[in-house]
Protein backbone atom coordinates (compact mmCIF):
# COMPACT_ATOMS: atom_id res chain seq x y z
CA UNK A 1 0.00 0.00 0.00
CA UNK A 2 1.31 3.44 -0.98
CA UNK A 3 -0.25 6.63 0.37
CA UNK A 4 0.70 10.13 -0.77
CA UNK A 5 0.22 13.10 1.55
CA UNK A 6 0.82 16.64 0.28
CA UNK A 7 1.47 19.65 2.51
CA UNK A 8 0.97 17.49 5.57
CA UNK A 9 2.11 17.30 9.20
CA UNK A 10 3.72 14.63 11.34
CA UNK A 11 0.49 14.13 13.30
CA UNK A 12 -1.42 13.45 10.06
CA UNK A 13 1.32 11.04 8.95
CA UNK A 14 1.13 9.15 12.24
CA UNK A 15 -2.66 8.95 12.10
CA UNK A 16 -2.56 7.73 8.49
CA UNK A 17 -0.04 5.04 9.42
CA UNK A 18 -2.27 3.79 12.23
CA UNK A 19 -5.32 3.61 9.95
CA UNK A 20 -3.34 1.84 7.22
CA UNK A 21 -2.03 -0.79 9.64
CA UNK A 22 -5.55 -1.49 10.86
CA UNK A 23 -6.77 -1.93 7.28
CA UNK A 24 -3.92 -4.32 6.56
CA UNK A 25 -4.44 -6.14 9.85
CA UNK A 26 -0.84 -5.64 11.01
CA UNK A 27 0.14 -3.74 14.16
CA UNK A 28 3.42 -1.86 14.52
CA UNK A 29 5.01 -4.59 16.59
CA UNK A 30 7.93 -6.57 15.23
CA UNK A 31 9.96 -3.59 14.03
CA UNK A 32 13.27 -3.59 15.84
CA UNK A 33 14.63 -0.14 14.99
CA UNK A 34 14.14 3.14 13.17
CA UNK A 35 16.45 3.76 10.23
CA UNK A 36 16.80 7.37 9.10
CA UNK A 37 18.20 7.80 5.59
CA UNK A 38 19.45 11.29 4.81
CA UNK A 39 19.71 11.54 1.04
CA UNK A 40 18.58 13.41 -2.07
CA UNK A 41 16.29 12.65 -5.00
CA UNK A 42 19.14 11.31 -7.13
CA UNK A 43 20.11 8.65 -4.60
CA UNK A 44 16.87 7.93 -2.77
CA UNK A 45 15.77 5.06 -5.06
CA UNK A 46 18.93 3.01 -4.54
CA UNK A 47 19.02 3.86 -0.83
CA UNK A 48 15.42 2.76 -0.26
CA UNK A 49 16.02 -0.44 -2.20
CA UNK A 50 19.06 -1.25 -0.06
CA UNK A 51 17.14 -0.48 3.13
CA UNK A 52 14.21 -2.67 2.11
CA UNK A 53 16.56 -5.57 1.42
CA UNK A 54 18.29 -5.06 4.77
CA UNK A 55 14.85 -4.89 6.45
CA UNK A 56 14.30 -8.56 5.67
CA UNK A 57 16.88 -9.22 8.37
CA UNK A 58 16.09 -6.14 10.47
CA UNK A 59 12.38 -5.14 10.24
CA UNK A 60 12.44 -1.36 10.55
CA UNK A 61 10.59 1.86 10.15
CA UNK A 62 12.58 3.61 7.44
CA UNK A 63 12.43 7.40 7.39
CA UNK A 64 13.87 8.81 4.18
CA UNK A 65 14.68 12.50 4.68
CA UNK A 66 14.96 14.44 1.41
CA UNK A 67 15.58 18.19 1.57
CA UNK A 68 14.20 19.87 -1.56
CA UNK A 69 14.33 23.39 -3.01
CA UNK A 70 15.44 25.77 -0.27
CA UNK A 71 13.70 28.71 -2.00
CA UNK A 72 10.25 27.13 -1.90
CA UNK A 73 7.64 27.78 0.75
CA UNK A 74 8.05 25.50 3.80
CA UNK A 75 6.09 22.31 3.15
CA UNK A 76 6.18 18.64 4.07
CA UNK A 77 5.14 15.99 1.53
CA UNK A 78 5.10 12.34 2.50
CA UNK A 79 4.95 9.04 0.66
CA UNK A 80 4.04 6.12 2.92
CA UNK A 81 4.79 2.56 1.82
CA UNK A 82 3.37 -0.13 4.06
CA UNK A 83 3.59 -3.89 3.52
CA UNK A 84 4.90 -3.59 -0.02
CA UNK A 85 8.32 -5.19 -0.30
CA UNK A 86 8.85 -6.75 3.12
CA UNK A 87 8.42 -6.20 6.85
CA UNK A 88 8.40 -2.71 8.26
CA UNK A 89 7.36 0.65 6.88
CA UNK A 90 9.01 3.15 4.56
CA UNK A 91 8.25 6.85 4.82
CA UNK A 92 9.67 9.23 2.22
CA UNK A 93 9.65 12.73 3.70
CA UNK A 94 10.27 15.61 1.31
CA UNK A 95 11.07 18.83 3.14
CA UNK A 96 10.72 22.05 1.16
CA UNK A 97 12.09 25.48 1.95
CA UNK A 98 13.42 26.32 5.39
CA UNK A 99 11.80 23.17 6.76
CA UNK A 100 14.82 21.28 5.42
CA UNK A 101 16.95 23.04 8.04
CA UNK A 102 14.82 21.58 10.83
CA UNK A 103 14.61 17.95 9.76
CA UNK A 104 15.11 16.77 13.34
CA UNK A 105 11.83 18.41 14.44
CA UNK A 106 10.03 16.60 11.61
CA UNK A 107 11.61 13.21 12.20
CA UNK A 108 11.48 13.02 16.02
CA UNK A 109 7.69 12.49 16.33
CA UNK A 110 7.91 9.63 13.82
CA UNK A 111 10.58 7.60 15.62
CA UNK A 112 9.45 4.24 17.00
CA UNK A 113 9.36 4.34 20.77
CA UNK A 114 11.71 2.15 22.81
CA UNK A 115 13.76 1.05 19.79
CA UNK A 116 17.25 2.08 18.64
CA UNK A 117 17.66 4.76 16.00
CA UNK A 118 20.23 4.52 13.19
CA UNK A 119 21.11 7.42 10.90
CA UNK A 120 22.55 6.72 7.45
CA UNK A 121 23.85 9.46 5.18
CA UNK A 122 24.15 8.06 1.66
CA UNK A 123 27.06 10.42 1.03
CA UNK A 124 30.03 11.45 3.16
CA UNK A 125 27.70 13.08 5.68
CA UNK A 126 28.42 16.01 8.00
CA UNK A 127 31.92 16.77 9.25
CA UNK A 128 30.90 15.68 12.76
CA UNK A 129 28.00 13.23 12.49
CA UNK A 130 27.60 12.99 16.26
CA UNK A 131 26.87 16.72 16.52
CA UNK A 132 24.45 16.84 13.60
CA UNK A 133 20.83 17.41 14.73
CA UNK A 134 19.75 14.10 13.20
CA UNK A 135 22.91 12.36 14.39
CA UNK A 136 22.22 13.34 17.99
CA UNK A 137 19.08 11.19 18.15
CA UNK A 138 20.82 8.12 16.67
CA UNK A 139 22.69 5.38 18.49
CA UNK A 140 24.50 4.49 15.27
CA UNK A 141 25.61 6.93 12.57
CA UNK A 142 26.64 5.55 9.17
CA UNK A 143 28.40 7.55 6.45
CA UNK A 144 30.12 6.68 3.19
CA UNK A 145 33.26 8.74 2.74
CA UNK A 146 33.79 7.15 -0.69
CA UNK A 147 31.32 9.73 -2.04
CA UNK A 148 33.70 12.53 -1.06
CA UNK A 149 36.15 14.12 -3.50
CA UNK A 150 39.00 13.52 -1.05
CA UNK A 151 37.94 10.38 0.84
CA UNK A 152 41.31 9.54 2.42
CA UNK A 153 41.86 13.00 3.85
CA UNK A 154 38.29 13.38 5.08
CA UNK A 155 38.20 9.95 6.72
CA UNK A 156 41.49 10.61 8.52
CA UNK A 157 39.97 13.85 9.78
CA UNK A 158 37.08 11.92 11.30
CA UNK A 159 39.41 10.81 14.09
CA UNK A 160 39.04 14.19 15.79
CA UNK A 161 35.29 14.31 15.09
CA UNK A 162 34.63 10.73 16.23
CA UNK A 163 31.82 10.05 18.67
CA UNK A 164 30.86 6.57 19.97
CA UNK A 165 28.40 5.16 17.45
CA UNK A 166 30.08 6.63 14.35
CA UNK A 167 31.03 4.31 11.51
CA UNK A 168 31.65 4.45 7.77
CA UNK A 169 31.17 2.02 4.90
CA UNK A 170 34.91 2.37 4.21
CA UNK A 171 35.35 0.32 7.39
CA UNK A 172 32.42 -2.03 6.77
CA UNK A 173 33.86 -3.00 3.39
CA UNK A 174 36.93 -4.34 5.19
CA UNK A 175 35.12 -6.93 7.32
CA UNK A 176 35.82 -9.89 4.97
CA UNK A 177 39.47 -8.81 4.63
CA UNK A 178 39.92 -8.45 8.38
CA UNK A 179 38.18 -11.78 9.03
CA UNK A 180 40.41 -13.67 6.59
CA UNK A 181 43.59 -12.00 7.82
CA UNK A 182 42.69 -12.64 11.47
CA UNK A 183 41.99 -16.32 10.71
CA UNK A 184 45.29 -16.59 8.82
CA UNK A 185 47.24 -15.08 11.69
CA UNK A 186 45.60 -17.45 14.15
CA UNK A 187 47.93 -20.08 12.67
CA UNK A 188 51.60 -20.18 13.72
CA UNK A 189 53.80 -17.78 11.77
CA UNK A 190 57.26 -16.27 11.98
CA UNK A 191 57.74 -12.75 13.31
CA UNK A 192 56.19 -10.11 11.07
CA UNK A 193 58.55 -7.25 10.28
CA UNK A 194 56.37 -5.09 8.02
CA UNK A 195 53.99 -5.15 5.12
CA UNK A 196 52.00 -3.34 2.47
CA UNK A 197 48.38 -2.85 1.42
CA UNK A 198 47.50 -2.34 -2.24
CA UNK A 199 44.33 -0.52 -3.28
CA UNK A 200 43.02 1.86 -5.91
CA UNK A 201 44.00 5.51 -5.69
CA UNK A 202 41.97 7.53 -3.17
CA UNK A 203 40.50 4.35 -1.72
CA UNK A 204 40.01 5.13 1.96
CA UNK A 205 39.43 1.48 2.83
CA UNK A 206 42.98 0.66 1.75
CA UNK A 207 44.45 3.34 4.02
CA UNK A 208 42.22 2.26 6.88
CA UNK A 209 43.24 -1.39 6.46
CA UNK A 210 46.92 -0.43 6.51
CA UNK A 211 46.33 1.62 9.67
CA UNK A 212 44.47 -1.25 11.35
CA UNK A 213 47.18 -3.79 10.53
CA UNK A 214 49.96 -1.45 11.60
CA UNK A 215 48.34 -0.70 14.96
CA UNK A 216 47.41 -4.33 15.64
CA UNK A 217 50.72 -5.89 14.60
CA UNK A 218 52.96 -3.04 15.74
CA UNK A 219 54.87 -2.98 12.46
CA UNK A 220 55.23 -0.39 9.66
CA UNK A 221 52.68 -0.80 6.86
CA UNK A 222 52.98 0.99 3.53
CA UNK A 223 50.12 1.91 1.21
CA UNK A 224 50.58 1.11 -2.48
CA UNK A 225 48.41 2.33 -5.36
CA UNK A 226 47.01 -0.35 -7.70
CA UNK A 227 44.48 -0.46 -10.53
CA UNK A 228 41.78 -1.79 -8.18
CA UNK A 229 38.96 -2.48 -7.92
CA UNK A 230 38.97 -1.42 -4.28
CA UNK A 231 41.49 -3.16 -2.05
CA UNK A 232 43.52 -5.65 -4.10
CA UNK A 233 46.18 -7.18 -1.86
CA UNK A 234 47.84 -7.40 1.53
CA UNK A 235 51.42 -8.58 1.98
CA UNK A 236 53.02 -9.25 5.35
CA UNK A 237 56.77 -9.82 5.50
CA UNK A 238 58.02 -12.49 7.89
CA UNK A 239 61.40 -14.05 8.56
CA UNK A 240 60.25 -17.17 6.67
CA UNK A 241 58.76 -15.38 3.68
CA UNK A 242 55.64 -13.46 2.78
CA UNK A 243 52.04 -13.96 3.87
CA UNK A 244 49.82 -12.67 1.08
CA UNK A 245 46.14 -12.14 0.31
CA UNK A 246 45.55 -11.00 -3.27
CA UNK A 247 42.30 -10.17 -5.09
CA UNK A 248 42.43 -8.62 -8.55
CA UNK A 249 38.93 -9.28 -9.89
CA UNK A 250 36.80 -8.12 -6.94
CA UNK A 251 35.45 -11.65 -6.40
CA UNK A 252 38.05 -14.31 -5.60
CA UNK A 253 41.28 -13.99 -3.64
CA UNK A 254 44.43 -16.08 -3.34
CA UNK A 255 45.84 -16.72 0.12
CA UNK A 256 49.52 -17.67 0.36
CA UNK A 257 51.68 -18.62 3.32
CA UNK A 258 55.33 -19.72 3.48
CA UNK A 259 55.57 -23.49 3.19
CA UNK A 260 51.87 -23.99 2.33
CA UNK A 261 50.16 -24.33 -1.06
CA UNK A 262 48.17 -21.33 -2.23
CA UNK A 263 44.46 -21.37 -1.42
CA UNK A 264 41.57 -19.75 -3.27
CA UNK A 265 38.97 -18.04 -1.10
CA UNK A 266 35.76 -16.14 -1.85
CA UNK A 267 36.18 -12.40 -1.30
CA UNK A 268 33.55 -10.59 -3.36
CA UNK A 269 32.83 -6.87 -3.24
CA UNK A 270 29.58 -6.50 -1.35
CA UNK A 271 26.47 -4.52 -2.24
CA UNK A 272 25.20 -1.54 -0.27
CA UNK A 273 22.36 -3.61 1.20
CA UNK A 274 24.88 -6.14 2.54
CA UNK A 275 26.98 -3.37 4.09
CA UNK A 276 23.91 -1.79 5.65
CA UNK A 277 22.63 -5.10 7.03
CA UNK A 278 25.99 -5.70 8.70
CA UNK A 279 25.97 -2.29 10.38
CA UNK A 280 22.43 -2.84 11.66
CA UNK A 281 23.54 -6.02 13.42
CA UNK A 282 25.60 -4.08 15.93
CA UNK A 283 24.58 -0.87 17.62
CA UNK A 284 27.34 -0.65 20.21
CA UNK A 285 30.37 1.62 19.69
CA UNK A 286 33.06 0.13 17.43
CA UNK A 287 36.24 0.78 19.39
CA UNK A 288 38.45 -0.95 16.83
CA UNK A 289 37.20 1.41 14.13
CA UNK A 290 37.94 4.37 16.39
CA UNK A 291 41.49 3.13 17.08
CA UNK A 292 42.10 2.58 13.37
CA UNK A 293 40.86 6.08 12.60
CA UNK A 294 43.38 7.52 15.06
CA UNK A 295 46.18 5.42 13.56
CA UNK A 296 45.21 6.57 10.05
CA UNK A 297 45.06 10.20 11.20
CA UNK A 298 48.49 9.94 12.80
CA UNK A 299 49.92 8.41 9.62
CA UNK A 300 48.44 11.23 7.54
CA UNK A 301 50.12 13.79 9.79
CA UNK A 302 53.49 12.04 9.48
CA UNK A 303 53.32 12.00 5.67
CA UNK A 304 51.93 15.53 5.36
């Protein structure tokens, strides 16, 4: 069911939602969180699609906040989608004029009570997500620095702006890499003396992975530029030889260890819905991400 409301208010939206649920025979129970998506018209379709796919694992009320023409008269238009593509509800809120500057006052009455709130900016987001009016009401704040013109520099700068609950897809994309590397290093190995991470130019995930490995292993890690896509390889130097994890096609990687035959492992580049679903699984502060941000920031200062 899709309902369009023009020049409306949050109280009318809430009343319409209640009536629609009664008609469909489904109460508001079962939704585990509120997901706020801060986006624009160009990106809202893909963002909503990703959120609806993630909602199959995390039934949610999805509030899509779209600020429109700032010169228009203040107005709120809403598009309510209930029971269409999965569990939960999707509300597209288009804020015209100066109303776009007060999105928090529009969104707050529509948050589900007694459930966590997650904010997701489809782009790089504000400089300090934790101080943003919408970010303040969220337990988890997700950005994607890859949409920035200078992703590496901006992500390193997030170390000073970090607040518990902040995260970025640049970090989420590294989960399969970190999992494989951690499992590899669970096996006996000679002392690691250094290493390198290869990734495409301006790929913040590559710099963040190098910072994470350097801080965890206590060894110098260099960042090398490759043709991509994304992160392509990690090489760790040991006294017995090199431990390597290489992926050149974005799908399958080769794992090599001194004295062992090479192994092929799945390491595909994940979709936005997969990244979002992972972030919705944990709402506690990610201390490892915060430590890696600091390490990346410190490395940027050394090379500046």
